[in-house]
Amino acid sequence: MKLIKMLSTILILLLSLHALCDEKKYTEKEVEEIVERRMKQDKNDREFRKTLSPKDQKIFDQGEMSNFSYYSGGIAGTYLGFGIGHSIQGRYAEKGWIFSLGEGISIITFFNGALTCAFEDQPCTNDALTIGTAGFIAFRVWEIVDLWLTPYLHERRYRELKKMQNNSHISFAPFYNSKLQTAGMGIHILF
């Protein structure tokens, strides 16, 4: 067990080092082009954002999660718990605090029951041990599933929204009907 924890810690440190060393240097012209593209993209994003539901707006605003955050947060949260993985993924305020509080209260409940049983001469019938253990296990399972599944679902929906944004447009086309000898305007909506 210690070997697994040590290996996961080393993996997290190596991923951190890789992220720090992977910086690219840009020329002044490249920076100007990036800024210009970003300003144009921001304008398109604001227009597209108006058409989304509040939930989709939140997903669109949060953007993509880096692989480093996803994997290091998942590994840290799986082994350490207490909302640490959510903090690494940048989701502590959203859900991480629930696991810090829930796991903490579960441990306190367990130890309260254990201390009560320790000072009794007869067999222990304290429900606090059971409640604390069940609560801790439930919070840990929920936390692990949330660490690995929620970012995946978020990324999938974000990519769908980006695809919708890039593919959606409205165009108008004039036409002439020779049989009726009339002109008109056609509308083409792609979404």
Protein backbone atom coordinates (compact mmCIF):
# COMPACT_ATOMS: atom_id res chain seq x y z
CA MET A 1 0.00 0.00 0.00
CA LYS A 2 2.86 2.39 0.84
CA LEU A 3 4.47 1.59 -2.51
CA ILE A 4 1.27 2.53 -4.38
CA LYS A 5 0.98 5.84 -2.50
CA MET A 6 4.66 6.59 -3.13
CA LEU A 7 4.32 5.82 -6.86
CA SER A 8 1.21 7.98 -7.19
CA THR A 9 2.99 10.85 -5.42
CA ILE A 10 5.95 10.52 -7.78
CA LEU A 11 3.56 10.49 -10.76
CA ILE A 12 1.88 13.70 -9.56
CA LEU A 13 5.26 15.39 -9.11
CA LEU A 14 6.44 14.30 -12.57
CA LEU A 15 3.25 15.57 -14.19
CA SER A 16 3.69 18.90 -12.39
CA LEU A 17 7.27 19.19 -13.58
CA HIS A 18 6.25 18.37 -17.16
CA ALA A 19 3.57 21.08 -17.10
CA LEU A 20 6.07 23.68 -15.85
CA CYS A 21 8.74 22.82 -18.43
CA ASP A 22 6.38 22.80 -21.41
CA GLU A 23 6.18 26.60 -21.88
CA LYS A 24 6.53 27.95 -25.42
CA LYS A 25 8.12 31.31 -26.27
CA TYR A 26 6.23 33.49 -28.78
CA THR A 27 7.40 36.30 -31.06
CA GLU A 28 5.72 39.70 -30.92
CA LYS A 29 3.91 39.05 -34.23
CA GLU A 30 2.62 35.68 -32.97
CA VAL A 31 1.35 37.36 -29.79
CA GLU A 32 -0.50 40.01 -31.83
CA GLU A 33 -2.09 37.31 -34.02
CA ILE A 34 -3.12 35.31 -30.95
CA VAL A 35 -4.65 38.42 -29.31
CA GLU A 36 -6.51 39.32 -32.51
CA ARG A 37 -7.89 35.77 -32.89
CA ARG A 38 -8.82 35.71 -29.21
CA MET A 39 -10.71 39.02 -29.44
CA LYS A 40 -12.65 37.76 -32.46
CA GLN A 41 -13.36 34.47 -30.68
CA ASP A 42 -14.53 36.33 -27.54
CA LYS A 43 -17.05 38.28 -29.62
CA ASN A 44 -18.34 35.07 -31.21
CA ASP A 45 -18.47 33.40 -27.78
CA ARG A 46 -20.56 36.23 -26.31
CA GLU A 47 -23.07 36.03 -29.17
CA PHE A 48 -23.29 32.24 -28.99
CA ARG A 49 -23.52 32.26 -25.18
CA LYS A 50 -26.78 34.25 -25.35
CA THR A 51 -28.50 31.30 -27.04
CA LEU A 52 -27.59 28.77 -24.32
CA SER A 53 -29.41 27.60 -21.20
CA PRO A 54 -27.93 28.71 -17.83
CA LYS A 55 -26.42 25.25 -17.29
CA ASP A 56 -24.81 25.23 -20.74
CA GLN A 57 -23.59 28.80 -20.21
CA LYS A 58 -21.76 27.66 -17.08
CA ILE A 59 -20.17 24.72 -18.93
CA PHE A 60 -19.21 27.00 -21.83
CA ASP A 61 -17.68 29.59 -19.48
CA GLN A 62 -15.64 27.00 -17.57
CA GLY A 63 -14.13 25.67 -20.78
CA GLU A 64 -11.97 22.58 -21.04
CA MET A 65 -10.12 21.01 -18.13
CA SER A 66 -6.47 20.18 -18.75
CA ASN A 67 -5.42 16.54 -18.74
CA PHE A 68 -3.01 17.35 -15.93
CA SER A 69 -5.80 18.68 -13.70
CA TYR A 70 -8.07 15.78 -14.56
CA TYR A 71 -5.56 13.00 -13.87
CA SER A 72 -3.67 14.53 -10.96
CA GLY A 73 -6.95 15.57 -9.28
CA GLY A 74 -8.42 12.13 -9.87
CA ILE A 75 -5.37 10.34 -8.46
CA ALA A 76 -4.99 12.66 -5.46
CA GLY A 77 -8.70 12.52 -4.67
CA THR A 78 -8.82 8.75 -5.03
CA TYR A 79 -5.97 8.19 -2.58
CA LEU A 80 -6.24 11.19 -0.23
CA GLY A 81 -9.90 12.24 -0.30
CA PHE A 82 -11.30 15.16 1.70
CA GLY A 83 -11.94 17.25 -1.44
CA ILE A 84 -8.25 17.51 -2.34
CA GLY A 85 -8.83 16.12 -5.83
CA HIS A 86 -11.66 18.57 -6.47
CA SER A 87 -9.37 21.39 -5.38
CA ILE A 88 -6.73 20.31 -7.90
CA GLN A 89 -9.39 20.10 -10.61
CA GLY A 90 -10.62 23.60 -9.71
CA ARG A 91 -14.01 22.37 -8.50
CA TYR A 92 -13.64 22.70 -4.72
CA ALA A 93 -16.25 25.45 -4.35
CA GLU A 94 -18.66 23.46 -6.51
CA LYS A 95 -18.48 20.05 -4.77
CA GLY A 96 -15.15 19.53 -3.02
CA TRP A 97 -16.27 21.17 0.20
CA ILE A 98 -19.07 18.58 0.49
CA PHE A 99 -16.49 15.80 0.71
CA SER A 100 -14.24 17.70 3.13
CA LEU A 101 -17.17 18.28 5.44
CA GLY A 102 -18.85 14.88 4.97
CA GLU A 103 -15.71 12.79 5.40
CA GLY A 104 -14.59 14.91 8.35
CA ILE A 105 -17.91 14.55 10.15
CA SER A 106 -17.96 10.80 9.39
CA ILE A 107 -14.52 10.34 10.97
CA ILE A 108 -15.48 12.41 14.02
CA THR A 109 -18.66 10.32 14.41
CA PHE A 110 -16.66 7.09 14.11
CA PHE A 111 -14.09 8.15 16.73
CA ASN A 112 -16.82 9.40 19.06
CA GLY A 113 -18.40 5.94 18.91
CA ALA A 114 -15.01 4.23 19.30
CA LEU A 115 -14.13 6.29 22.39
CA THR A 116 -17.52 5.60 23.92
CA CYS A 117 -17.03 1.86 23.36
CA ALA A 118 -13.48 1.96 24.71
CA PHE A 119 -14.69 2.95 28.17
CA GLU A 120 -17.54 0.41 28.40
CA ASP A 121 -17.06 -2.95 30.10
CA GLN A 122 -19.83 -4.69 28.19
CA PRO A 123 -20.06 -5.38 24.43
CA CYS A 124 -20.38 -2.18 22.44
CA THR A 125 -23.77 -1.41 20.89
CA ASN A 126 -22.93 2.14 19.80
CA ASP A 127 -24.48 3.08 16.45
CA ALA A 128 -21.96 5.90 15.95
CA LEU A 129 -19.35 3.38 14.81
CA THR A 130 -21.64 2.04 12.10
CA ILE A 131 -22.92 5.44 11.03
CA GLY A 132 -19.40 6.91 10.89
CA THR A 133 -18.03 4.00 8.89
CA ALA A 134 -20.97 3.89 6.47
CA GLY A 135 -20.87 7.66 6.03
CA PHE A 136 -17.14 7.70 5.32
CA ILE A 137 -17.39 4.85 2.80
CA ALA A 138 -20.37 6.48 1.07
CA PHE A 139 -18.60 9.85 0.79
CA ARG A 140 -15.39 8.21 -0.50
CA VAL A 141 -17.22 6.24 -3.21
CA TRP A 142 -19.22 9.32 -4.23
CA GLU A 143 -16.06 11.43 -4.31
CA ILE A 144 -14.12 8.96 -6.47
CA VAL A 145 -16.97 8.58 -8.95
CA ASP A 146 -17.43 12.35 -9.11
CA LEU A 147 -13.69 12.96 -9.64
CA TRP A 148 -13.48 10.67 -12.64
CA LEU A 149 -16.97 10.96 -14.20
CA THR A 150 -18.09 14.59 -13.86
CA PRO A 151 -15.11 16.13 -15.70
CA TYR A 152 -15.57 13.58 -18.49
CA LEU A 153 -19.25 14.52 -18.89
CA HIS A 154 -18.37 18.22 -18.68
CA GLU A 155 -15.76 17.87 -21.43
CA ARG A 156 -18.14 15.92 -23.64
CA ARG A 157 -20.86 18.59 -23.32
CA TYR A 158 -18.33 21.41 -23.81
CA ARG A 159 -17.14 19.81 -27.07
CA GLU A 160 -20.77 19.48 -28.22
CA LEU A 161 -21.33 23.18 -27.50
CA LYS A 162 -18.16 24.18 -29.36
CA LYS A 163 -19.23 22.04 -32.30
CA MET A 164 -22.67 23.69 -32.25
CA GLN A 165 -21.03 27.11 -32.11
CA ASN A 166 -18.77 26.39 -35.05
CA ASN A 167 -21.51 24.81 -37.17
CA SER A 168 -24.45 27.11 -36.45
CA HIS A 169 -25.16 30.02 -38.73
CA ILE A 170 -27.96 31.71 -40.62
CA SER A 171 -27.67 32.64 -44.27
CA PHE A 172 -30.01 34.32 -46.74
CA ALA A 173 -30.20 33.58 -50.46
CA PRO A 174 -32.20 35.45 -53.10
CA PHE A 175 -33.98 33.30 -55.67
CA TYR A 176 -36.07 33.66 -58.80
CA ASN A 177 -38.96 31.36 -59.72
CA SER A 178 -39.23 31.34 -63.51
CA LYS A 179 -42.61 29.57 -63.58
CA LEU A 180 -44.27 32.14 -61.38
CA GLN A 181 -41.93 34.92 -62.53
CA THR A 182 -41.40 36.11 -58.98
CA ALA A 183 -38.36 36.82 -56.87
CA GLY A 184 -37.95 35.97 -53.22
CA MET A 185 -35.60 35.48 -50.35
CA GLY A 186 -34.73 32.12 -48.81
CA ILE A 187 -33.37 31.56 -45.33
CA HIS A 188 -31.00 28.74 -44.38
CA ILE A 189 -30.54 27.93 -40.69
CA LEU A 190 -27.86 25.42 -39.78
CA PHE A 191 -27.65 24.20 -36.19
